[in-house]
PDB file of N, CA and C in Angstrom:
ATOM      1  N   UNK A   1       0.821  -1.184   0.000  1.00  0.00           N
ATOM      2  CA  UNK A   1       0.000   0.000   0.000  1.00  0.00           C
ATOM      3  C   UNK A   1       0.868   1.251   0.000  1.00  0.00           C
ATOM      4  N   UNK A   2       2.140   1.063  -0.180  1.00  0.00           N
ATOM      5  CA  UNK A   2       3.027   2.214  -0.223  1.00  0.00           C
ATOM      6  C   UNK A   2       2.894   2.920  -1.571  1.00  0.00           C
ATOM      7  N   UNK A   3       2.956   4.202  -1.550  1.00  0.00           N
ATOM      8  CA  UNK A   3       2.939   5.020  -2.768  1.00  0.00           C
ATOM      9  C   UNK A   3       1.690   4.785  -3.610  1.00  0.00           C
ATOM     10  N   UNK A   4       0.592   4.434  -2.964  1.00  0.00           N
ATOM     11  CA  UNK A   4      -0.665   4.270  -3.676  1.00  0.00           C
ATOM     12  C   UNK A   4      -0.868   2.930  -4.331  1.00  0.00           C
ATOM     13  N   UNK A   5       0.042   2.023  -4.168  1.00  0.00           N
ATOM     14  CA  UNK A   5      -0.085   0.697  -4.773  1.00  0.00           C
ATOM     15  C   UNK A   5      -0.635  -0.283  -3.739  1.00  0.00           C
ATOM     16  N   UNK A   6      -1.670  -1.003  -4.114  1.00  0.00           N
ATOM     17  CA  UNK A   6      -2.209  -2.016  -3.211  1.00  0.00           C
ATOM     18  C   UNK A   6      -1.165  -3.119  -3.017  1.00  0.00           C
ATOM     19  N   UNK A   7      -1.129  -3.669  -1.831  1.00  0.00           N
ATOM     20  CA  UNK A   7      -0.089  -4.643  -1.468  1.00  0.00           C
ATOM     21  C   UNK A   7      -0.064  -5.865  -2.363  1.00  0.00           C
ATOM     22  N   UNK A   8      -1.222  -6.390  -2.712  1.00  0.00           N
ATOM     23  CA  UNK A   8      -1.232  -7.603  -3.540  1.00  0.00           C
ATOM     24  C   UNK A   8      -0.706  -7.327  -4.940  1.00  0.00           C
ATOM     25  N   UNK A   9      -0.859  -6.108  -5.423  1.00  0.00           N
ATOM     26  CA  UNK A   9      -0.324  -5.747  -6.745  1.00  0.00           C
ATOM     27  C   UNK A   9       1.205  -5.744  -6.683  1.00  0.00           C
ATOM     28  N   UNK A  10       1.754  -5.136  -5.644  1.00  0.00           N
ATOM     29  CA  UNK A  10       3.204  -5.146  -5.464  1.00  0.00           C
ATOM     30  C   UNK A  10       3.744  -6.550  -5.255  1.00  0.00           C
ATOM     31  N   UNK A  11       2.996  -7.363  -4.510  1.00  0.00           N
ATOM     32  CA  UNK A  11       3.411  -8.742  -4.279  1.00  0.00           C
ATOM     33  C   UNK A  11       3.441  -9.515  -5.587  1.00  0.00           C
ATOM     34  N   UNK A  12       2.437  -9.326  -6.438  1.00  0.00           N
ATOM     35  CA  UNK A  12       2.415 -10.000  -7.744  1.00  0.00           C
ATOM     36  C   UNK A  12       3.646  -9.645  -8.565  1.00  0.00           C
ATOM     37  N   UNK A  13       4.045  -8.374  -8.522  1.00  0.00           N
ATOM     38  CA  UNK A  13       5.195  -7.928  -9.313  1.00  0.00           C
ATOM     39  C   UNK A  13       6.519  -8.455  -8.758  1.00  0.00           C
ATOM     40  N   UNK A  14       6.604  -8.590  -7.447  1.00  0.00           N
ATOM     41  CA  UNK A  14       7.875  -8.967  -6.824  1.00  0.00           C
ATOM     42  C   UNK A  14       7.988 -10.446  -6.487  1.00  0.00           C
ATOM     43  N   UNK A  15       6.892 -11.178  -6.529  1.00  0.00           N
ATOM     44  CA  UNK A  15       6.858 -12.553  -6.020  1.00  0.00           C
ATOM     45  C   UNK A  15       7.908 -13.465  -6.656  1.00  0.00           C
ATOM     46  N   UNK A  16       8.141 -13.338  -7.935  1.00  0.00           N
ATOM     47  CA  UNK A  16       9.097 -14.247  -8.582  1.00  0.00           C
ATOM     48  C   UNK A  16      10.536 -13.973  -8.142  1.00  0.00           C
ATOM     49  N   UNK A  17      10.782 -12.829  -7.508  1.00  0.00           N
ATOM     50  CA  UNK A  17      12.118 -12.484  -7.024  1.00  0.00           C
ATOM     51  C   UNK A  17      12.288 -12.772  -5.534  1.00  0.00           C
ATOM     52  N   UNK A  18      11.202 -13.116  -4.848  1.00  0.00           N
ATOM     53  CA  UNK A  18      11.211 -13.261  -3.392  1.00  0.00           C
ATOM     54  C   UNK A  18      12.050 -14.457  -2.949  1.00  0.00           C
ATOM     55  N   UNK A  19      12.820 -14.240  -1.903  1.00  0.00           N
ATOM     56  CA  UNK A  19      13.598 -15.306  -1.284  1.00  0.00           C
ATOM     57  C   UNK A  19      13.260 -15.424   0.199  1.00  0.00           C
ATOM     58  N   UNK A  20      12.625 -14.408   0.744  1.00  0.00           N
ATOM     59  CA  UNK A  20      12.239 -14.362   2.149  1.00  0.00           C
ATOM     60  C   UNK A  20      11.134 -13.315   2.263  1.00  0.00           C
ATOM     61  N   UNK A  21      10.077 -13.616   2.993  1.00  0.00           N
ATOM     62  CA  UNK A  21       8.913 -12.735   3.037  1.00  0.00           C
ATOM     63  C   UNK A  21       8.596 -12.322   4.468  1.00  0.00           C
ATOM     64  N   UNK A  22       8.354 -11.038   4.650  1.00  0.00           N
ATOM     65  CA  UNK A  22       7.860 -10.503   5.913  1.00  0.00           C
ATOM     66  C   UNK A  22       6.362 -10.281   5.752  1.00  0.00           C
ATOM     67  N   UNK A  23       5.585 -10.672   6.746  1.00  0.00           N
ATOM     68  CA  UNK A  23       4.135 -10.595   6.698  1.00  0.00           C
ATOM     69  C   UNK A  23       3.673  -9.567   7.721  1.00  0.00           C
ATOM     70  N   UNK A  24       3.020  -8.494   7.256  1.00  0.00           N
ATOM     71  CA  UNK A  24       2.483  -7.484   8.160  1.00  0.00           C
ATOM     72  C   UNK A  24       1.253  -6.855   7.536  1.00  0.00           C
ATOM     73  N   UNK A  25       0.616  -5.974   8.268  1.00  0.00           N
ATOM     74  CA  UNK A  25      -0.651  -5.401   7.832  1.00  0.00           C
ATOM     75  C   UNK A  25      -0.655  -3.903   8.113  1.00  0.00           C
ATOM     76  N   UNK A  26      -1.474  -3.192   7.363  1.00  0.00           N
ATOM     77  CA  UNK A  26      -1.607  -1.746   7.507  1.00  0.00           C
ATOM     78  C   UNK A  26      -3.065  -1.332   7.388  1.00  0.00           C
ATOM     79  N   UNK A  27      -3.387  -0.220   8.046  1.00  0.00           N
ATOM     80  CA  UNK A  27      -4.679   0.432   7.865  1.00  0.00           C
ATOM     81  C   UNK A  27      -4.432   1.691   7.055  1.00  0.00           C
ATOM     82  N   UNK A  28      -5.347   1.966   6.143  1.00  0.00           N
ATOM     83  CA  UNK A  28      -5.266   3.213   5.379  1.00  0.00           C
ATOM     84  C   UNK A  28      -5.836   4.345   6.226  1.00  0.00           C
ATOM     85  N   UNK A  29      -5.130   5.452   6.254  1.00  0.00           N
ATOM     86  CA  UNK A  29      -5.589   6.657   6.935  1.00  0.00           C
ATOM     87  C   UNK A  29      -5.658   7.773   5.903  1.00  0.00           C
ATOM     88  N   UNK A  30      -6.839   8.363   5.765  1.00  0.00           N
ATOM     89  CA  UNK A  30      -7.017   9.433   4.785  1.00  0.00           C
ATOM     90  C   UNK A  30      -5.955  10.507   4.962  1.00  0.00           C
ATOM     91  N   UNK A  31      -5.373  10.919   3.835  1.00  0.00           N
ATOM     92  CA  UNK A  31      -4.362  11.969   3.851  1.00  0.00           C
ATOM     93  C   UNK A  31      -4.356  12.653   2.490  1.00  0.00           C
ATOM     94  N   UNK A  32      -4.998  13.804   2.396  1.00  0.00           N
ATOM     95  CA  UNK A  32      -5.059  14.511   1.113  1.00  0.00           C
ATOM     96  C   UNK A  32      -3.724  15.108   0.671  1.00  0.00           C
ATOM     97  N   UNK A  33      -2.685  15.019   1.511  1.00  0.00           N
ATOM     98  CA  UNK A  33      -1.400  15.598   1.138  1.00  0.00           C
ATOM     99  C   UNK A  33      -0.618  14.721   0.159  1.00  0.00           C
ATOM    100  N   UNK A  34      -1.059  13.472  -0.038  1.00  0.00           N
ATOM    101  CA  UNK A  34      -0.393  12.591  -0.993  1.00  0.00           C
ATOM    102  C   UNK A  34      -1.340  12.326  -2.164  1.00  0.00           C
ATOM    103  N   UNK A  35      -0.801  12.138  -3.364  1.00  0.00           N
ATOM    104  CA  UNK A  35      -1.658  12.009  -4.556  1.00  0.00           C
ATOM    105  C   UNK A  35      -2.678  10.873  -4.500  1.00  0.00           C
ATOM    106  N   UNK A  36      -2.371   9.766  -3.847  1.00  0.00           N
ATOM    107  CA  UNK A  36      -3.280   8.619  -3.815  1.00  0.00           C
ATOM    108  C   UNK A  36      -4.283   8.710  -2.666  1.00  0.00           C
ATOM    109  N   UNK A  37      -4.116   9.687  -1.759  1.00  0.00           N
ATOM    110  CA  UNK A  37      -5.137   9.989  -0.772  1.00  0.00           C
ATOM    111  C   UNK A  37      -5.058   9.285   0.569  1.00  0.00           C
ATOM    112  N   UNK A  38      -4.030   8.482   0.809  1.00  0.00           N
ATOM    113  CA  UNK A  38      -3.924   7.831   2.123  1.00  0.00           C
ATOM    114  C   UNK A  38      -2.468   7.593   2.498  1.00  0.00           C
ATOM    115  N   UNK A  39      -2.268   7.459   3.788  1.00  0.00           N
ATOM    116  CA  UNK A  39      -0.994   6.983   4.336  1.00  0.00           C
ATOM    117  C   UNK A  39      -1.287   5.714   5.104  1.00  0.00           C
ATOM    118  N   UNK A  40      -0.246   4.982   5.438  1.00  0.00           N
ATOM    119  CA  UNK A  40      -0.409   3.702   6.126  1.00  0.00           C
ATOM    120  C   UNK A  40      -0.105   3.825   7.604  1.00  0.00           C
ATOM    121  N   UNK A  41      -0.863   3.064   8.394  1.00  0.00           N
ATOM    122  CA  UNK A  41      -0.616   2.943   9.823  1.00  0.00           C
ATOM    123  C   UNK A  41      -0.493   1.452  10.127  1.00  0.00           C
ATOM    124  N   UNK A  42       0.564   1.054  10.796  1.00  0.00           N
ATOM    125  CA  UNK A  42       0.743  -0.362  11.100  1.00  0.00           C
ATOM    126  C   UNK A  42      -0.335  -0.838  12.071  1.00  0.00           C
ATOM    127  N   UNK A  43      -0.622  -2.129  12.004  1.00  0.00           N
ATOM    128  CA  UNK A  43      -1.635  -2.717  12.876  1.00  0.00           C
ATOM    129  C   UNK A  43      -1.379  -4.214  13.019  1.00  0.00           C
ATOM    130  N   UNK A  44      -2.136  -4.829  13.890  1.00  0.00           N
ATOM    131  CA  UNK A  44      -2.078  -6.274  14.057  1.00  0.00           C
ATOM    132  C   UNK A  44      -2.498  -6.944  12.753  1.00  0.00           C
ATOM    133  N   UNK A  45      -1.796  -7.991  12.357  1.00  0.00           N
ATOM    134  CA  UNK A  45      -2.117  -8.701  11.122  1.00  0.00           C
ATOM    135  C   UNK A  45      -3.561  -9.214  11.198  1.00  0.00           C
ATOM    136  N   UNK A  46      -4.311  -8.884  10.159  1.00  0.00           N
ATOM    137  CA  UNK A  46      -5.715  -9.276  10.096  1.00  0.00           C
ATOM    138  C   UNK A  46      -6.669  -8.158  10.459  1.00  0.00           C
ATOM    139  N   UNK A  47      -6.150  -7.053  10.983  1.00  0.00           N
ATOM    140  CA  UNK A  47      -6.996  -5.926  11.369  1.00  0.00           C
ATOM    141  C   UNK A  47      -6.885  -4.753  10.390  1.00  0.00           C
ATOM    142  N   UNK A  48      -6.145  -4.941   9.321  1.00  0.00           N
ATOM    143  CA  UNK A  48      -5.886  -3.838   8.407  1.00  0.00           C
ATOM    144  C   UNK A  48      -6.591  -3.967   7.076  1.00  0.00           C
ATOM    145  N   UNK A  49      -6.086  -3.203   6.119  1.00  0.00           N
ATOM    146  CA  UNK A  49      -6.684  -3.120   4.794  1.00  0.00           C
ATOM    147  C   UNK A  49      -5.939  -3.920   3.732  1.00  0.00           C
ATOM    148  N   UNK A  50      -4.853  -4.571   4.097  1.00  0.00           N
ATOM    149  CA  UNK A  50      -4.103  -5.383   3.140  1.00  0.00           C
ATOM    150  C   UNK A  50      -4.914  -6.639   2.829  1.00  0.00           C
ATOM    151  N   UNK A  51      -5.034  -6.964   1.545  1.00  0.00           N
ATOM    152  CA  UNK A  51      -5.708  -8.204   1.160  1.00  0.00           C
ATOM    153  C   UNK A  51      -4.684  -9.330   1.287  1.00  0.00           C
ATOM    154  N   UNK A  52      -4.590  -9.857   2.487  1.00  0.00           N
ATOM    155  CA  UNK A  52      -3.562 -10.846   2.817  1.00  0.00           C
ATOM    156  C   UNK A  52      -3.695 -12.118   1.988  1.00  0.00           C
ATOM    157  N   UNK A  53      -4.925 -12.548   1.757  1.00  0.00           N
ATOM    158  CA  UNK A  53      -5.141 -13.763   0.966  1.00  0.00           C
ATOM    159  C   UNK A  53      -4.623 -13.591  -0.457  1.00  0.00           C
ATOM    160  N   UNK A  54      -4.874 -12.433  -1.065  1.00  0.00           N
ATOM    161  CA  UNK A  54      -4.381 -12.189  -2.421  1.00  0.00           C
ATOM    162  C   UNK A  54      -2.855 -12.141  -2.458  1.00  0.00           C
ATOM    163  N   UNK A  55      -2.254 -11.606  -1.403  1.00  0.00           N
ATOM    164  CA  UNK A  55      -0.786 -11.579  -1.344  1.00  0.00           C
ATOM    165  C   UNK A  55      -0.225 -12.996  -1.319  1.00  0.00           C
ATOM    166  N   UNK A  56      -0.817 -13.860  -0.499  1.00  0.00           N
ATOM    167  CA  UNK A  56      -0.351 -15.249  -0.411  1.00  0.00           C
ATOM    168  C   UNK A  56      -0.590 -15.975  -1.729  1.00  0.00           C
ATOM    169  N   UNK A  57      -1.736 -15.746  -2.352  1.00  0.00           N
ATOM    170  CA  UNK A  57      -2.013 -16.370  -3.654  1.00  0.00           C
ATOM    171  C   UNK A  57      -0.989 -15.934  -4.696  1.00  0.00           C
ATOM    172  N   UNK A  58      -0.600 -14.667  -4.679  1.00  0.00           N
ATOM    173  CA  UNK A  58       0.411 -14.183  -5.621  1.00  0.00           C
ATOM    174  C   UNK A  58       1.740 -14.891  -5.395  1.00  0.00           C
ATOM    175  N   UNK A  59       2.108 -15.090  -4.138  1.00  0.00           N
ATOM    176  CA  UNK A  59       3.348 -15.800  -3.837  1.00  0.00           C
ATOM    177  C   UNK A  59       3.279 -17.250  -4.305  1.00  0.00           C
ATOM    178  N   UNK A  60       2.157 -17.906  -3.996  1.00  0.00           N
ATOM    179  CA  UNK A  60       1.989 -19.301  -4.417  1.00  0.00           C
ATOM    180  C   UNK A  60       2.018 -19.426  -5.931  1.00  0.00           C
ATOM    181  N   UNK A  61       1.351 -18.519  -6.625  1.00  0.00           N
ATOM    182  CA  UNK A  61       1.309 -18.560  -8.100  1.00  0.00           C
ATOM    183  C   UNK A  61       2.691 -18.409  -8.708  1.00  0.00           C
ATOM    184  N   UNK A  62       3.554 -17.677  -8.019  1.00  0.00           N
ATOM    185  CA  UNK A  62       4.920 -17.486  -8.510  1.00  0.00           C
ATOM    186  C   UNK A  62       5.840 -18.629  -8.103  1.00  0.00           C
ATOM    187  N   UNK A  63       5.294 -19.591  -7.349  1.00  0.00           N
ATOM    188  CA  UNK A  63       6.094 -20.738  -6.941  1.00  0.00           C
ATOM    189  C   UNK A  63       6.888 -20.531  -5.664  1.00  0.00           C
ATOM    190  N   UNK A  64       6.585 -19.486  -4.918  1.00  0.00           N
ATOM    191  CA  UNK A  64       7.321 -19.234  -3.679  1.00  0.00           C
ATOM    192  C   UNK A  64       7.018 -20.334  -2.677  1.00  0.00           C
ATOM    193  N   UNK A  65       8.064 -20.915  -2.099  1.00  0.00           N
ATOM    194  CA  UNK A  65       7.873 -21.946  -1.085  1.00  0.00           C
ATOM    195  C   UNK A  65       8.819 -21.741   0.102  1.00  0.00           C
ATOM    196  N   UNK A  66       9.223 -20.492   0.295  1.00  0.00           N
ATOM    197  CA  UNK A  66      10.138 -20.167   1.389  1.00  0.00           C
ATOM    198  C   UNK A  66       9.427 -19.775   2.662  1.00  0.00           C
ATOM    199  N   UNK A  67      10.200 -19.233   3.563  1.00  0.00           N
ATOM    200  CA  UNK A  67       9.679 -18.809   4.854  1.00  0.00           C
ATOM    201  C   UNK A  67       8.824 -17.556   4.724  1.00  0.00           C
ATOM    202  N   UNK A  68       7.853 -17.441   5.610  1.00  0.00           N
ATOM    203  CA  UNK A  68       7.040 -16.232   5.755  1.00  0.00           C
ATOM    204  C   UNK A  68       7.115 -15.853   7.232  1.00  0.00           C
ATOM    205  N   UNK A  69       7.790 -14.747   7.525  1.00  0.00           N
ATOM    206  CA  UNK A  69       8.010 -14.332   8.906  1.00  0.00           C
ATOM    207  C   UNK A  69       7.053 -13.213   9.290  1.00  0.00           C
ATOM    208  N   UNK A  70       6.483 -13.327  10.469  1.00  0.00           N
ATOM    209  CA  UNK A  70       5.652 -12.259  11.001  1.00  0.00           C
ATOM    210  C   UNK A  70       6.538 -11.069  11.334  1.00  0.00           C
ATOM    211  N   UNK A  71       6.135  -9.887  10.870  1.00  0.00           N
ATOM    212  CA  UNK A  71       6.813  -8.649  11.250  1.00  0.00           C
ATOM    213  C   UNK A  71       5.769  -7.793  11.953  1.00  0.00           C
ATOM    214  N   UNK A  72       5.756  -7.860  13.267  1.00  0.00           N
ATOM    215  CA  UNK A  72       4.741  -7.143  14.033  1.00  0.00           C
ATOM    216  C   UNK A  72       5.233  -5.751  14.376  1.00  0.00           C
ATOM    217  N   UNK A  73       4.481  -4.745  13.953  1.00  0.00           N
ATOM    218  CA  UNK A  73       4.796  -3.349  14.250  1.00  0.00           C
ATOM    219  C   UNK A  73       3.559  -2.610  14.753  1.00  0.00           C
ATOM    220  N   UNK A  74       2.542  -3.350  15.141  1.00  0.00           N
ATOM    221  CA  UNK A  74       1.277  -2.738  15.524  1.00  0.00           C
ATOM    222  C   UNK A  74       1.330  -1.987  16.836  1.00  0.00           C
ATOM    223  N   UNK A  75       0.284  -1.216  17.109  1.00  0.00           N
ATOM    224  CA  UNK A  75       0.230  -0.407  18.320  1.00  0.00           C
ATOM    225  C   UNK A  75      -0.229  -1.187  19.548  1.00  0.00           C
ATOM    226  N   UNK A  76      -0.797  -2.386  19.354  1.00  0.00           N
ATOM    227  CA  UNK A  76      -1.283  -3.178  20.481  1.00  0.00           C
ATOM    228  C   UNK A  76      -0.113  -3.730  21.289  1.00  0.00           C
ATOM    229  N   UNK A  77      -0.407  -4.156  22.511  1.00  0.00           N
ATOM    230  CA  UNK A  77       0.582  -4.831  23.332  1.00  0.00           C
ATOM    231  C   UNK A  77       1.249  -5.925  22.498  1.00  0.00           C
ATOM    232  N   UNK A  78       2.560  -6.002  22.544  1.00  0.00           N
ATOM    233  CA  UNK A  78       3.296  -6.939  21.694  1.00  0.00           C
ATOM    234  C   UNK A  78       2.875  -8.382  21.842  1.00  0.00           C
ATOM    235  N   UNK A  79       2.708  -8.839  23.078  1.00  0.00           N
ATOM    236  CA  UNK A  79       2.338 -10.236  23.283  1.00  0.00           C
ATOM    237  C   UNK A  79       0.962 -10.530  22.683  1.00  0.00           C
ATOM    238  N   UNK A  80       0.004  -9.667  22.926  1.00  0.00           N
ATOM    239  CA  UNK A  80      -1.348  -9.867  22.375  1.00  0.00           C
ATOM    240  C   UNK A  80      -1.349  -9.690  20.859  1.00  0.00           C
ATOM    241  N   UNK A  81      -0.660  -8.665  20.374  1.00  0.00           N
ATOM    242  CA  UNK A  81      -0.629  -8.396  18.938  1.00  0.00           C
ATOM    243  C   UNK A  81       0.029  -9.508  18.146  1.00  0.00           C
ATOM    244  N   UNK A  82       1.126 -10.038  18.686  1.00  0.00           N
ATOM    245  CA  UNK A  82       1.814 -11.146  18.009  1.00  0.00           C
ATOM    246  C   UNK A  82       0.932 -12.387  18.009  1.00  0.00           C
ATOM    247  N   UNK A  83       0.298 -12.682  19.137  1.00  0.00           N
ATOM    248  CA  UNK A  83      -0.582 -13.858  19.208  1.00  0.00           C
ATOM    249  C   UNK A  83      -1.738 -13.749  18.217  1.00  0.00           C
ATOM    250  N   UNK A  84      -2.385 -12.587  18.162  1.00  0.00           N
ATOM    251  CA  UNK A  84      -3.485 -12.381  17.212  1.00  0.00           C
ATOM    252  C   UNK A  84      -2.993 -12.482  15.776  1.00  0.00           C
ATOM    253  N   UNK A  85      -1.817 -11.928  15.518  1.00  0.00           N
ATOM    254  CA  UNK A  85      -1.258 -11.976  14.167  1.00  0.00           C
ATOM    255  C   UNK A  85      -0.958 -13.411  13.741  1.00  0.00           C
ATOM    256  N   UNK A  86      -0.385 -14.188  14.635  1.00  0.00           N
ATOM    257  CA  UNK A  86      -0.090 -15.593  14.325  1.00  0.00           C
ATOM    258  C   UNK A  86      -1.380 -16.371  14.087  1.00  0.00           C
ATOM    259  N   UNK A  87      -2.397 -16.122  14.902  1.00  0.00           N
ATOM    260  CA  UNK A  87      -3.699 -16.773  14.684  1.00  0.00           C
ATOM    261  C   UNK A  87      -4.237 -16.462  13.290  1.00  0.00           C
ATOM    262  N   UNK A  88      -4.130 -15.206  12.877  1.00  0.00           N
ATOM    263  CA  UNK A  88      -4.590 -14.813  11.542  1.00  0.00           C
ATOM    264  C   UNK A  88      -3.768 -15.513  10.468  1.00  0.00           C
ATOM    265  N   UNK A  89      -2.456 -15.541  10.624  1.00  0.00           N
ATOM    266  CA  UNK A  89      -1.604 -16.218   9.645  1.00  0.00           C
ATOM    267  C   UNK A  89      -1.961 -17.690   9.539  1.00  0.00           C
ATOM    268  N   UNK A  90      -2.202 -18.340  10.659  1.00  0.00           N
ATOM    269  CA  UNK A  90      -2.569 -19.761  10.625  1.00  0.00           C
ATOM    270  C   UNK A  90      -3.879 -19.978   9.880  1.00  0.00           C
ATOM    271  N   UNK A  91      -4.835 -19.087  10.039  1.00  0.00           N
ATOM    272  CA  UNK A  91      -6.107 -19.214   9.299  1.00  0.00           C
ATOM    273  C   UNK A  91      -5.878 -19.054   7.798  1.00  0.00           C
ATOM    274  N   UNK A  92      -5.024 -18.111   7.418  1.00  0.00           N
ATOM    275  CA  UNK A  92      -4.787 -17.825   6.000  1.00  0.00           C
ATOM    276  C   UNK A  92      -4.008 -18.967   5.342  1.00  0.00           C
ATOM    277  N   UNK A  93      -3.009 -19.492   6.037  1.00  0.00           N
ATOM    278  CA  UNK A  93      -2.193 -20.549   5.469  1.00  0.00           C
ATOM    279  C   UNK A  93      -2.855 -21.893   5.608  1.00  0.00           C
TER     280      UNK A  93
END
């Protein structure tokens, strides 16, 4: 979702080059100061606007079979946020 590009679109473009993947989520926050109209705010995985399933499908379609590491940067308590994020990842995978 950086620079106005949806995450799954960027994942589709980069997936064939991936050797290691960090998994995180963002919420869009309206911001008229940027051309695409939003900035990103980190959050617990599964609570944001990233289409996580489409990102994983893009990786699978490109043949990615490597590690996917949780990168937690959310505002929630770390222990709770990491646990919720892992639960979400387990549901998706």
